[in-house]
Amino acid sequence: MSPSGAEVLRQIKSRIDEVDPSSVREQLGNGAVVVDVRETEEWSAGHIPGAKHVPKSHLESRIEGAAPDRAQHVVLYCASGNRSAWAARTLTEDLGYEQSSR
C-alpha cells in the first residue's frame, strides 16, 4: 500500500533542516538565498526583505534564476511549512541543490 500524502510530507519534513525564522536575516547576511515559494498574491501582501519570489508552482522552471549556484545554501519559506518542505525535496532530490532548508 502506498503512503498517504500526509505521510510522505512527514517523511520529507524529517529529512529537511528547519531553521528558526529569527535566524533568516543572519542567513541572508551569510550568503544564503531566501526563497518565498508562496503564490503571487501572498508575496504581494508581504514578504521577507531580500527574499526572492519563486512560486512552488513554477519552482522547477524558475529556481535557477533566483539561485543559480546549486552549492549555495537556499532557505525556502511559505505560510505553513508544507510547500517549502515539498520545494526543498524537489531542490535536493530532483534538481541537485546541495543545501536547502525551510
PDB file of N, CA and C in Angstrom:
ATOM      1  N   MET A   1       0.842  -1.190   0.000  1.00  0.00           N
ATOM      2  CA  MET A   1       0.000   0.000   0.000  1.00  0.00           C
ATOM      3  C   MET A   1       0.879   1.242   0.000  1.00  0.00           C
ATOM      4  N   SER A   2       0.570   2.170  -0.845  1.00  0.00           N
ATOM      5  CA  SER A   2       1.324   3.418  -0.944  1.00  0.00           C
ATOM      6  C   SER A   2       1.016   4.313   0.257  1.00  0.00           C
ATOM      7  N   PRO A   3       2.011   5.100   0.682  1.00  0.00           N
ATOM      8  CA  PRO A   3       1.767   6.011   1.805  1.00  0.00           C
ATOM      9  C   PRO A   3       0.839   7.149   1.387  1.00  0.00           C
ATOM     10  N   SER A   4       0.169   7.728   2.354  1.00  0.00           N
ATOM     11  CA  SER A   4      -0.692   8.883   2.085  1.00  0.00           C
ATOM     12  C   SER A   4       0.180  10.106   1.832  1.00  0.00           C
ATOM     13  N   GLY A   5      -0.428  11.128   1.271  1.00  0.00           N
ATOM     14  CA  GLY A   5       0.291  12.375   1.052  1.00  0.00           C
ATOM     15  C   GLY A   5       0.810  12.964   2.359  1.00  0.00           C
ATOM     16  N   ALA A   6       0.004  12.851   3.413  1.00  0.00           N
ATOM     17  CA  ALA A   6       0.410  13.370   4.725  1.00  0.00           C
ATOM     18  C   ALA A   6       1.622  12.613   5.257  1.00  0.00           C
ATOM     19  N   GLU A   7       1.652  11.306   5.041  1.00  0.00           N
ATOM     20  CA  GLU A   7       2.791  10.503   5.497  1.00  0.00           C
ATOM     21  C   GLU A   7       4.056  10.852   4.715  1.00  0.00           C
ATOM     22  N   VAL A   8       3.925  11.025   3.429  1.00  0.00           N
ATOM     23  CA  VAL A   8       5.082  11.416   2.614  1.00  0.00           C
ATOM     24  C   VAL A   8       5.598  12.772   3.088  1.00  0.00           C
ATOM     25  N   LEU A   9       4.700  13.705   3.364  1.00  0.00           N
ATOM     26  CA  LEU A   9       5.107  15.018   3.849  1.00  0.00           C
ATOM     27  C   LEU A   9       5.830  14.911   5.190  1.00  0.00           C
ATOM     28  N   ARG A  10       5.346  14.083   6.090  1.00  0.00           N
ATOM     29  CA  ARG A  10       6.034  13.874   7.377  1.00  0.00           C
ATOM     30  C   ARG A  10       7.448  13.328   7.141  1.00  0.00           C
ATOM     31  N   GLN A  11       7.581  12.396   6.222  1.00  0.00           N
ATOM     32  CA  GLN A  11       8.900  11.835   5.912  1.00  0.00           C
ATOM     33  C   GLN A  11       9.833  12.906   5.355  1.00  0.00           C
ATOM     34  N   ILE A  12       9.313  13.714   4.451  1.00  0.00           N
ATOM     35  CA  ILE A  12      10.117  14.797   3.868  1.00  0.00           C
ATOM     36  C   ILE A  12      10.569  15.750   4.966  1.00  0.00           C
ATOM     37  N   LYS A  13       9.649  16.179   5.824  1.00  0.00           N
ATOM     38  CA  LYS A  13       9.994  17.125   6.887  1.00  0.00           C
ATOM     39  C   LYS A  13      11.021  16.553   7.852  1.00  0.00           C
ATOM     40  N   SER A  14      11.024  15.236   8.033  1.00  0.00           N
ATOM     41  CA  SER A  14      12.006  14.625   8.942  1.00  0.00           C
ATOM     42  C   SER A  14      13.417  14.637   8.353  1.00  0.00           C
ATOM     43  N   ARG A  15      13.523  14.817   7.043  1.00  0.00           N
ATOM     44  CA  ARG A  15      14.831  14.805   6.375  1.00  0.00           C
ATOM     45  C   ARG A  15      15.346  16.194   6.026  1.00  0.00           C
ATOM     46  N   ILE A  16      14.564  17.216   6.288  1.00  0.00           N
ATOM     47  CA  ILE A  16      14.928  18.577   5.889  1.00  0.00           C
ATOM     48  C   ILE A  16      15.266  19.396   7.132  1.00  0.00           C
ATOM     49  N   ASP A  17      16.326  20.178   7.018  1.00  0.00           N
ATOM     50  CA  ASP A  17      16.678  21.071   8.119  1.00  0.00           C
ATOM     51  C   ASP A  17      15.655  22.197   8.193  1.00  0.00           C
ATOM     52  N   GLU A  18      15.184  22.442   9.402  1.00  0.00           N
ATOM     53  CA  GLU A  18      14.279  23.556   9.620  1.00  0.00           C
ATOM     54  C   GLU A  18      15.042  24.633  10.372  1.00  0.00           C
ATOM     55  N   VAL A  19      14.964  25.851   9.877  1.00  0.00           N
ATOM     56  CA  VAL A  19      15.664  26.948  10.534  1.00  0.00           C
ATOM     57  C   VAL A  19      14.668  27.795  11.305  1.00  0.00           C
ATOM     58  N   ASP A  20      15.143  28.365  12.373  1.00  0.00           N
ATOM     59  CA  ASP A  20      14.320  29.258  13.166  1.00  0.00           C
ATOM     60  C   ASP A  20      14.112  30.542  12.362  1.00  0.00           C
ATOM     61  N   PRO A  21      12.878  31.009  12.252  1.00  0.00           N
ATOM     62  CA  PRO A  21      12.626  32.226  11.480  1.00  0.00           C
ATOM     63  C   PRO A  21      13.486  33.416  11.913  1.00  0.00           C
ATOM     64  N   SER A  22      13.835  33.484  13.182  1.00  0.00           N
ATOM     65  CA  SER A  22      14.640  34.616  13.652  1.00  0.00           C
ATOM     66  C   SER A  22      16.061  34.579  13.099  1.00  0.00           C
ATOM     67  N   SER A  23      16.507  33.436  12.570  1.00  0.00           N
ATOM     68  CA  SER A  23      17.872  33.341  12.043  1.00  0.00           C
ATOM     69  C   SER A  23      17.956  33.625  10.549  1.00  0.00           C
ATOM     70  N   VAL A  24      16.825  33.869   9.908  1.00  0.00           N
ATOM     71  CA  VAL A  24      16.832  34.062   8.456  1.00  0.00           C
ATOM     72  C   VAL A  24      17.627  35.297   8.059  1.00  0.00           C
ATOM     73  N   ARG A  25      17.493  36.382   8.782  1.00  0.00           N
ATOM     74  CA  ARG A  25      18.241  37.606   8.455  1.00  0.00           C
ATOM     75  C   ARG A  25      19.746  37.335   8.509  1.00  0.00           C
ATOM     76  N   GLU A  26      20.181  36.598   9.522  1.00  0.00           N
ATOM     77  CA  GLU A  26      21.597  36.231   9.644  1.00  0.00           C
ATOM     78  C   GLU A  26      22.017  35.354   8.463  1.00  0.00           C
ATOM     79  N   GLN A  27      21.169  34.438   8.076  1.00  0.00           N
ATOM     80  CA  GLN A  27      21.498  33.552   6.956  1.00  0.00           C
ATOM     81  C   GLN A  27      21.625  34.343   5.664  1.00  0.00           C
ATOM     82  N   LEU A  28      20.760  35.342   5.480  1.00  0.00           N
ATOM     83  CA  LEU A  28      20.880  36.223   4.315  1.00  0.00           C
ATOM     84  C   LEU A  28      22.238  36.905   4.317  1.00  0.00           C
ATOM     85  N   GLY A  29      22.669  37.356   5.479  1.00  0.00           N
ATOM     86  CA  GLY A  29      23.963  38.012   5.609  1.00  0.00           C
ATOM     87  C   GLY A  29      25.137  37.082   5.390  1.00  0.00           C
ATOM     88  N   ASN A  30      24.901  35.781   5.546  1.00  0.00           N
ATOM     89  CA  ASN A  30      25.963  34.790   5.346  1.00  0.00           C
ATOM     90  C   ASN A  30      25.937  34.182   3.948  1.00  0.00           C
ATOM     91  N   GLY A  31      25.192  34.790   3.043  1.00  0.00           N
ATOM     92  CA  GLY A  31      25.204  34.341   1.655  1.00  0.00           C
ATOM     93  C   GLY A  31      24.119  33.380   1.248  1.00  0.00           C
ATOM     94  N   ALA A  32      23.195  33.049   2.129  1.00  0.00           N
ATOM     95  CA  ALA A  32      22.100  32.163   1.747  1.00  0.00           C
ATOM     96  C   ALA A  32      21.132  32.897   0.826  1.00  0.00           C
ATOM     97  N   VAL A  33      20.485  32.156  -0.027  1.00  0.00           N
ATOM     98  CA  VAL A  33      19.412  32.699  -0.850  1.00  0.00           C
ATOM     99  C   VAL A  33      18.111  32.319  -0.164  1.00  0.00           C
ATOM    100  N   VAL A  34      17.288  33.308   0.148  1.00  0.00           N
ATOM    101  CA  VAL A  34      15.996  33.062   0.777  1.00  0.00           C
ATOM    102  C   VAL A  34      14.932  33.146  -0.310  1.00  0.00           C
ATOM    103  N   VAL A  35      14.152  32.076  -0.426  1.00  0.00           N
ATOM    104  CA  VAL A  35      13.169  31.982  -1.500  1.00  0.00           C
ATOM    105  C   VAL A  35      11.777  31.783  -0.911  1.00  0.00           C
ATOM    106  N   ASP A  36      10.879  32.668  -1.288  1.00  0.00           N
ATOM    107  CA  ASP A  36       9.475  32.603  -0.898  1.00  0.00           C
ATOM    108  C   ASP A  36       8.753  31.786  -1.973  1.00  0.00           C
ATOM    109  N   VAL A  37       8.185  30.632  -1.594  1.00  0.00           N
ATOM    110  CA  VAL A  37       7.524  29.767  -2.568  1.00  0.00           C
ATOM    111  C   VAL A  37       6.003  29.929  -2.572  1.00  0.00           C
ATOM    112  N   ARG A  38       5.518  30.990  -1.916  1.00  0.00           N
ATOM    113  CA  ARG A  38       4.080  31.240  -1.897  1.00  0.00           C
ATOM    114  C   ARG A  38       3.620  31.800  -3.248  1.00  0.00           C
ATOM    115  N   GLU A  39       2.326  31.866  -3.432  1.00  0.00           N
ATOM    116  CA  GLU A  39       1.764  32.397  -4.667  1.00  0.00           C
ATOM    117  C   GLU A  39       1.904  33.922  -4.705  1.00  0.00           C
ATOM    118  N   THR A  40       1.705  34.489  -5.868  1.00  0.00           N
ATOM    119  CA  THR A  40       1.927  35.916  -6.099  1.00  0.00           C
ATOM    120  C   THR A  40       1.109  36.798  -5.170  1.00  0.00           C
ATOM    121  N   GLU A  41      -0.149  36.432  -4.932  1.00  0.00           N
ATOM    122  CA  GLU A  41      -0.997  37.256  -4.050  1.00  0.00           C
ATOM    123  C   GLU A  41      -0.422  37.299  -2.637  1.00  0.00           C
ATOM    124  N   GLU A  42       0.102  36.167  -2.177  1.00  0.00           N
ATOM    125  CA  GLU A  42       0.690  36.104  -0.841  1.00  0.00           C
ATOM    126  C   GLU A  42       1.972  36.937  -0.776  1.00  0.00           C
ATOM    127  N   TRP A  43       2.794  36.821  -1.788  1.00  0.00           N
ATOM    128  CA  TRP A  43       4.038  37.594  -1.880  1.00  0.00           C
ATOM    129  C   TRP A  43       3.718  39.089  -1.846  1.00  0.00           C
ATOM    130  N   SER A  44       2.721  39.485  -2.617  1.00  0.00           N
ATOM    131  CA  SER A  44       2.343  40.904  -2.700  1.00  0.00           C
ATOM    132  C   SER A  44       1.846  41.444  -1.366  1.00  0.00           C
ATOM    133  N   ALA A  45       1.268  40.584  -0.560  1.00  0.00           N
ATOM    134  CA  ALA A  45       0.754  41.014   0.747  1.00  0.00           C
ATOM    135  C   ALA A  45       1.884  41.251   1.750  1.00  0.00           C
ATOM    136  N   GLY A  46       3.069  40.747   1.471  1.00  0.00           N
ATOM    137  CA  GLY A  46       4.214  40.944   2.344  1.00  0.00           C
ATOM    138  C   GLY A  46       5.169  39.776   2.255  1.00  0.00           C
ATOM    139  N   HIS A  47       6.460  40.084   2.376  1.00  0.00           N
ATOM    140  CA  HIS A  47       7.480  39.046   2.297  1.00  0.00           C
ATOM    141  C   HIS A  47       8.738  39.498   3.035  1.00  0.00           C
ATOM    142  N   ILE A  48       9.646  38.583   3.242  1.00  0.00           N
ATOM    143  CA  ILE A  48      10.905  38.883   3.929  1.00  0.00           C
ATOM    144  C   ILE A  48      11.753  39.774   3.030  1.00  0.00           C
ATOM    145  N   PRO A  49      12.216  40.921   3.541  1.00  0.00           N
ATOM    146  CA  PRO A  49      13.085  41.774   2.731  1.00  0.00           C
ATOM    147  C   PRO A  49      14.330  41.000   2.278  1.00  0.00           C
ATOM    148  N   GLY A  50      14.629  41.099   0.998  1.00  0.00           N
ATOM    149  CA  GLY A  50      15.782  40.408   0.437  1.00  0.00           C
ATOM    150  C   GLY A  50      15.467  39.037  -0.122  1.00  0.00           C
ATOM    151  N   ALA A  51      14.245  38.551   0.119  1.00  0.00           N
ATOM    152  CA  ALA A  51      13.854  37.229  -0.397  1.00  0.00           C
ATOM    153  C   ALA A  51      13.593  37.311  -1.893  1.00  0.00           C
ATOM    154  N   LYS A  52      13.766  36.186  -2.557  1.00  0.00           N
ATOM    155  CA  LYS A  52      13.427  36.036  -3.973  1.00  0.00           C
ATOM    156  C   LYS A  52      12.064  35.352  -4.029  1.00  0.00           C
ATOM    157  N   HIS A  53      11.314  35.644  -5.074  1.00  0.00           N
ATOM    158  CA  HIS A  53       9.995  35.032  -5.205  1.00  0.00           C
ATOM    159  C   HIS A  53      10.008  34.002  -6.323  1.00  0.00           C
ATOM    160  N   VAL A  54       9.796  32.749  -5.961  1.00  0.00           N
ATOM    161  CA  VAL A  54       9.660  31.662  -6.926  1.00  0.00           C
ATOM    162  C   VAL A  54       8.497  30.794  -6.440  1.00  0.00           C
ATOM    163  N   PRO A  55       7.303  31.022  -6.963  1.00  0.00           N
ATOM    164  CA  PRO A  55       6.169  30.222  -6.520  1.00  0.00           C
ATOM    165  C   PRO A  55       6.446  28.725  -6.700  1.00  0.00           C
ATOM    166  N   LYS A  56       5.985  27.927  -5.768  1.00  0.00           N
ATOM    167  CA  LYS A  56       6.201  26.483  -5.859  1.00  0.00           C
ATOM    168  C   LYS A  56       5.697  25.930  -7.180  1.00  0.00           C
ATOM    169  N   SER A  57       4.631  26.479  -7.699  1.00  0.00           N
ATOM    170  CA  SER A  57       4.070  26.000  -8.959  1.00  0.00           C
ATOM    171  C   SER A  57       4.994  26.237 -10.153  1.00  0.00           C
ATOM    172  N   HIS A  58       6.023  27.084  -9.969  1.00  0.00           N
ATOM    173  CA  HIS A  58       6.987  27.367 -11.038  1.00  0.00           C
ATOM    174  C   HIS A  58       8.418  27.056 -10.614  1.00  0.00           C
ATOM    175  N   LEU A  59       8.572  26.344  -9.529  1.00  0.00           N
ATOM    176  CA  LEU A  59       9.895  26.134  -8.941  1.00  0.00           C
ATOM    177  C   LEU A  59      10.896  25.540  -9.923  1.00  0.00           C
ATOM    178  N   GLU A  60      10.535  24.442 -10.553  1.00  0.00           N
ATOM    179  CA  GLU A  60      11.491  23.747 -11.420  1.00  0.00           C
ATOM    180  C   GLU A  60      11.957  24.609 -12.587  1.00  0.00           C
ATOM    181  N   SER A  61      11.100  25.457 -13.103  1.00  0.00           N
ATOM    182  CA  SER A  61      11.469  26.266 -14.262  1.00  0.00           C
ATOM    183  C   SER A  61      12.084  27.619 -13.910  1.00  0.00           C
ATOM    184  N   ARG A  62      11.958  28.070 -12.649  1.00  0.00           N
ATOM    185  CA  ARG A  62      12.439  29.416 -12.312  1.00  0.00           C
ATOM    186  C   ARG A  62      13.504  29.481 -11.221  1.00  0.00           C
ATOM    187  N   ILE A  63      13.774  28.385 -10.537  1.00  0.00           N
ATOM    188  CA  ILE A  63      14.688  28.459  -9.396  1.00  0.00           C
ATOM    189  C   ILE A  63      16.097  28.867  -9.817  1.00  0.00           C
ATOM    190  N   GLU A  64      16.538  28.462 -10.974  1.00  0.00           N
ATOM    191  CA  GLU A  64      17.901  28.810 -11.388  1.00  0.00           C
ATOM    192  C   GLU A  64      18.085  30.314 -11.559  1.00  0.00           C
ATOM    193  N   GLY A  65      17.014  31.040 -11.845  1.00  0.00           N
ATOM    194  CA  GLY A  65      17.100  32.487 -11.921  1.00  0.00           C
ATOM    195  C   GLY A  65      17.318  33.124 -10.556  1.00  0.00           C
ATOM    196  N   ALA A  66      16.795  32.501  -9.524  1.00  0.00           N
ATOM    197  CA  ALA A  66      16.929  33.016  -8.161  1.00  0.00           C
ATOM    198  C   ALA A  66      18.150  32.464  -7.454  1.00  0.00           C
ATOM    199  N   ALA A  67      18.489  31.220  -7.741  1.00  0.00           N
ATOM    200  CA  ALA A  67      19.609  30.545  -7.064  1.00  0.00           C
ATOM    201  C   ALA A  67      20.378  29.713  -8.094  1.00  0.00           C
ATOM    202  N   PRO A  68      21.215  30.371  -8.901  1.00  0.00           N
ATOM    203  CA  PRO A  68      21.923  29.632  -9.959  1.00  0.00           C
ATOM    204  C   PRO A  68      23.017  28.691  -9.451  1.00  0.00           C
ATOM    205  N   ASP A  69      23.560  28.967  -8.271  1.00  0.00           N
ATOM    206  CA  ASP A  69      24.631  28.140  -7.703  1.00  0.00           C
ATOM    207  C   ASP A  69      24.027  27.037  -6.853  1.00  0.00           C
ATOM    208  N   ARG A  70      24.089  25.815  -7.319  1.00  0.00           N
ATOM    209  CA  ARG A  70      23.457  24.698  -6.615  1.00  0.00           C
ATOM    210  C   ARG A  70      24.184  24.313  -5.326  1.00  0.00           C
ATOM    211  N   ALA A  71      25.351  24.870  -5.103  1.00  0.00           N
ATOM    212  CA  ALA A  71      26.069  24.618  -3.854  1.00  0.00           C
ATOM    213  C   ALA A  71      25.727  25.656  -2.787  1.00  0.00           C
ATOM    214  N   GLN A  72      25.097  26.745  -3.172  1.00  0.00           N
ATOM    215  CA  GLN A  72      24.738  27.809  -2.234  1.00  0.00           C
ATOM    216  C   GLN A  72      23.576  27.366  -1.354  1.00  0.00           C
ATOM    217  N   HIS A  73      23.592  27.793  -0.102  1.00  0.00           N
ATOM    218  CA  HIS A  73      22.514  27.447   0.823  1.00  0.00           C
ATOM    219  C   HIS A  73      21.249  28.182   0.417  1.00  0.00           C
ATOM    220  N   VAL A  74      20.164  27.435   0.292  1.00  0.00           N
ATOM    221  CA  VAL A  74      18.867  28.005  -0.068  1.00  0.00           C
ATOM    222  C   VAL A  74      17.914  27.764   1.095  1.00  0.00           C
ATOM    223  N   VAL A  75      17.282  28.837   1.563  1.00  0.00           N
ATOM    224  CA  VAL A  75      16.261  28.751   2.612  1.00  0.00           C
ATOM    225  C   VAL A  75      14.927  29.054   1.954  1.00  0.00           C
ATOM    226  N   LEU A  76      13.999  28.128   2.072  1.00  0.00           N
ATOM    227  CA  LEU A  76      12.682  28.261   1.460  1.00  0.00           C
ATOM    228  C   LEU A  76      11.640  28.549   2.539  1.00  0.00           C
ATOM    229  N   TYR A  77      10.639  29.349   2.193  1.00  0.00           N
ATOM    230  CA  TYR A  77       9.555  29.543   3.161  1.00  0.00           C
ATOM    231  C   TYR A  77       8.217  29.717   2.455  1.00  0.00           C
ATOM    232  N   CYS A  78       7.171  29.420   3.211  1.00  0.00           N
ATOM    233  CA  CYS A  78       5.790  29.595   2.760  1.00  0.00           C
ATOM    234  C   CYS A  78       4.962  29.945   3.996  1.00  0.00           C
ATOM    235  N   ALA A  79       3.668  29.789   3.921  1.00  0.00           N
ATOM    236  CA  ALA A  79       2.811  30.141   5.049  1.00  0.00           C
ATOM    237  C   ALA A  79       2.808  29.073   6.137  1.00  0.00           C
ATOM    238  N   SER A  80       2.766  27.807   5.756  1.00  0.00           N
ATOM    239  CA  SER A  80       2.599  26.737   6.745  1.00  0.00           C
ATOM    240  C   SER A  80       3.810  25.830   6.908  1.00  0.00           C
ATOM    241  N   GLY A  81       4.748  25.899   5.979  1.00  0.00           N
ATOM    242  CA  GLY A  81       5.890  24.993   6.001  1.00  0.00           C
ATOM    243  C   GLY A  81       5.707  23.762   5.125  1.00  0.00           C
ATOM    244  N   ASN A  82       4.520  23.588   4.580  1.00  0.00           N
ATOM    245  CA  ASN A  82       4.281  22.421   3.730  1.00  0.00           C
ATOM    246  C   ASN A  82       4.828  22.613   2.319  1.00  0.00           C
ATOM    247  N   ARG A  83       4.490  23.715   1.672  1.00  0.00           N
ATOM    248  CA  ARG A  83       5.004  23.953   0.315  1.00  0.00           C
ATOM    249  C   ARG A  83       6.514  24.066   0.318  1.00  0.00           C
ATOM    250  N   SER A  84       7.061  24.698   1.355  1.00  0.00           N
ATOM    251  CA  SER A  84       8.517  24.834   1.409  1.00  0.00           C
ATOM    252  C   SER A  84       9.188  23.479   1.609  1.00  0.00           C
ATOM    253  N   ALA A  85       8.542  22.567   2.337  1.00  0.00           N
ATOM    254  CA  ALA A  85       9.097  21.217   2.507  1.00  0.00           C
ATOM    255  C   ALA A  85       9.115  20.480   1.171  1.00  0.00           C
ATOM    256  N   TRP A  86       8.004  20.507   0.454  1.00  0.00           N
ATOM    257  CA  TRP A  86       7.959  19.871  -0.862  1.00  0.00           C
ATOM    258  C   TRP A  86       8.991  20.508  -1.797  1.00  0.00           C
ATOM    259  N   ALA A  87       9.123  21.830  -1.728  1.00  0.00           N
ATOM    260  CA  ALA A  87      10.089  22.522  -2.578  1.00  0.00           C
ATOM    261  C   ALA A  87      11.524  22.122  -2.229  1.00  0.00           C
ATOM    262  N   ALA A  88      11.826  21.989  -0.948  1.00  0.00           N
ATOM    263  CA  ALA A  88      13.171  21.567  -0.530  1.00  0.00           C
ATOM    264  C   ALA A  88      13.478  20.175  -1.049  1.00  0.00           C
ATOM    265  N   ARG A  89      12.496  19.296  -0.982  1.00  0.00           N
ATOM    266  CA  ARG A  89      12.680  17.947  -1.528  1.00  0.00           C
ATOM    267  C   ARG A  89      12.978  18.005  -3.015  1.00  0.00           C
ATOM    268  N   THR A  90      12.231  18.817  -3.744  1.00  0.00           N
ATOM    269  CA  THR A  90      12.441  18.963  -5.185  1.00  0.00           C
ATOM    270  C   THR A  90      13.846  19.482  -5.472  1.00  0.00           C
ATOM    271  N   LEU A  91      14.267  20.495  -4.722  1.00  0.00           N
ATOM    272  CA  LEU A  91      15.601  21.060  -4.960  1.00  0.00           C
ATOM    273  C   LEU A  91      16.699  20.035  -4.735  1.00  0.00           C
ATOM    274  N   THR A  92      16.632  19.316  -3.621  1.00  0.00           N
ATOM    275  CA  THR A  92      17.714  18.394  -3.291  1.00  0.00           C
ATOM    276  C   THR A  92      17.639  17.088  -4.066  1.00  0.00           C
ATOM    277  N   GLU A  93      16.466  16.509  -4.179  1.00  0.00           N
ATOM    278  CA  GLU A  93      16.361  15.184  -4.791  1.00  0.00           C
ATOM    279  C   GLU A  93      16.224  15.208  -6.307  1.00  0.00           C
ATOM    280  N   ASP A  94      15.598  16.237  -6.843  1.00  0.00           N
ATOM    281  CA  ASP A  94      15.363  16.264  -8.283  1.00  0.00           C
ATOM    282  C   ASP A  94      16.284  17.210  -9.036  1.00  0.00           C
ATOM    283  N   LEU A  95      16.672  18.320  -8.398  1.00  0.00           N
ATOM    284  CA  LEU A  95      17.432  19.341  -9.116  1.00  0.00           C
ATOM    285  C   LEU A  95      18.890  19.448  -8.696  1.00  0.00           C
ATOM    286  N   GLY A  96      19.319  18.673  -7.728  1.00  0.00           N
ATOM    287  CA  GLY A  96      20.732  18.617  -7.373  1.00  0.00           C
ATOM    288  C   GLY A  96      21.261  19.748  -6.502  1.00  0.00           C
ATOM    289  N   TYR A  97      20.379  20.479  -5.833  1.00  0.00           N
ATOM    290  CA  TYR A  97      20.851  21.507  -4.908  1.00  0.00           C
ATOM    291  C   TYR A  97      21.402  20.813  -3.672  1.00  0.00           C
ATOM    292  N   GLU A  98      22.508  21.315  -3.156  1.00  0.00           N
ATOM    293  CA  GLU A  98      23.197  20.642  -2.066  1.00  0.00           C
ATOM    294  C   GLU A  98      22.666  20.988  -0.690  1.00  0.00           C
ATOM    295  N   GLN A  99      22.232  22.233  -0.487  1.00  0.00           N
ATOM    296  CA  GLN A  99      21.815  22.682   0.846  1.00  0.00           C
ATOM    297  C   GLN A  99      20.510  23.456   0.755  1.00  0.00           C
ATOM    298  N   SER A 100      19.453  22.817   1.157  1.00  0.00           N
ATOM    299  CA  SER A 100      18.199  23.575   1.226  1.00  0.00           C
ATOM    300  C   SER A 100      17.558  23.281   2.567  1.00  0.00           C
ATOM    301  N   SER A 101      16.945  24.297   3.109  1.00  0.00           N
ATOM    302  CA  SER A 101      16.244  24.161   4.377  1.00  0.00           C
ATOM    303  C   SER A 101      14.961  24.958   4.286  1.00  0.00           C
ATOM    304  N   ARG A 102      14.156  24.809   5.297  1.00  0.00           N
ATOM    305  CA  ARG A 102      12.901  25.554   5.317  1.00  0.00           C
ATOM    306  C   ARG A 102      12.698  26.085   6.705  1.00  0.00           C
TER     307      ARG A 102
END
